[in-house]
Structures are given as structure tokens and as C-alpha cells.
Amino acid sequence: MKTLADRINQKMAEQGFTQQSLAERAGLSQAAIYKLTSGKTKETKKLIQLASALNVDMQWLATGTMRSNPSTAANAELIGGFDEWDSNTPLLDDEVELPFYREVELSAGTGKFHVAENPGAKLRFAKATLKRVGVSAEHAACVKVSGDSMEPVLPDGCTAGIDTSSTRIKDGDIYAVDYEGQLLVKRLYRILGGAGGIRIRSYNEHEYQDVDCIGTDAEKLIILGRVFWWSVLR
């Protein structure tokens, strides 16, 4: 394919795109796609979006040649930007607000805590995202991870989403639990044989030992839900 127009037209034909459908997929106008496919426009600043929409290598789309080193092949996709919002911003049709859990003191000065919903904190999620991972909005909540026990996977300060309908242990999965009033995010394992029980394990195993909850100790552990998502700011 000698020209950019040739390459775009080839991939459009292979994938069944019209000018309008490609424009919508790439975030361009139909007029811009027409100019590119007709050869009236020889180059575009929207090459990343166009390559992503056509599911092709950006260098091939721009030059007609592929990268010689497979280790530098694209492994990410441009999705879009960020929209600012606060507690006063109305929810979109495809959005829901998920509650946060926190530790709450049972009574002043007792030093005893339980885990409850934090009424002042919410996180917005797209319904489509929850549906894609099989989590219903009414069973979704969030927790904030603190400390270094789950590093490097879940670093201090990251936010995790939990599915409160998923409380059956799958060995090695990450769960949010209420253990004697402490809100923990840990990997869980079933202890088989004998009295049975649950093993609490951190990712940072060098500094944090396993905690085995056996017998009455296992009854003190309440599984709040399985972690299905987490987000990290660097």
C-alpha cells in the first residue's frame, strides 16, 4: 500500500467500516475521513486514534512498514480523556455511585471497631464497566488500601472495588474482610484438614507473615467481598 489513503481504504474494506462509522470510532468527522480516504489529506494529527480504531500498527498506517523489533509493538490503546466531576455533578445515565467502607468505632472510648459504609464518600463507575466484569451495582463497593502489606500489587493509598456478592473463597484471590473490626484487603486461602480455617496472606510476604484463622478465630473473620478492580495513582 503506497499511500495513507490506500492503507485506510484497505482496512476499512476488510473490517466493514463506512466513512461515518470509522469517524465515530476514531472520534473524527466524516468530512475528515473523506479527505483522508480520497487522498486530499496526506497526513493527520489523529493517527493514534485512527490506528486504534482500525486495530493496526500506527507505524504501518503512517508509512506502510512494520516495526522490526516486536518488543516495541504497541501494547496499549488510547481510550479517551478525563472528565472532571464533584459531588454536585449529576450522574450520567450510564453511571452509578459506589459507597466506601471504613472502620467505625462501636462506642466512644471502647477501642472496639466494626466495618461500615462511609456515608460521605462515593466513587463513580460506569454501569458498562461493572457489567463487563459481571458485578451488579447494588453489590459493588469500594475500600481504600493503606500500608505496604499488599505491595507491589496494591500499594499504599490505592482504591479497590469489591463485589459483596462474591464471598466464597477461591484460593489466592484478593478479598476485603472485616477481621475483629479491622478492614483488611488480603489474599485468602482455605485451610483443609483438621478443624479447617482461613489463611490470610499479604503480597509483601517478606515483612508480613501469614495469619491462620482456625476454629473460633475463623468465626471472627467476615468476608465483605472479592476485589474485582483497583486503581493506582503514581
Foldseek 3Di string as FASTA:
>chain_A
DAALLVVLVVLCVVVVHDLCNLCVQLVHHSVVSVCRNVVVDRDDPSLQSSCLSSVHFSVCSNGVDDDPDPVPTDDDHDDDDDDDDDPPDDDDPQKDKAWEKDWDAPDPPPPFTAIDTDVPDIDMDGNVVCVVLPAHRVQKHKYFDADDQAPPVRGHGKMWMFGQVAQDADAQFWFFKQARRDTDIFGWDWADDDQIFIWTHHPPCVVDPIDTQGDVSRVRIGTRGTTDDMDDDD
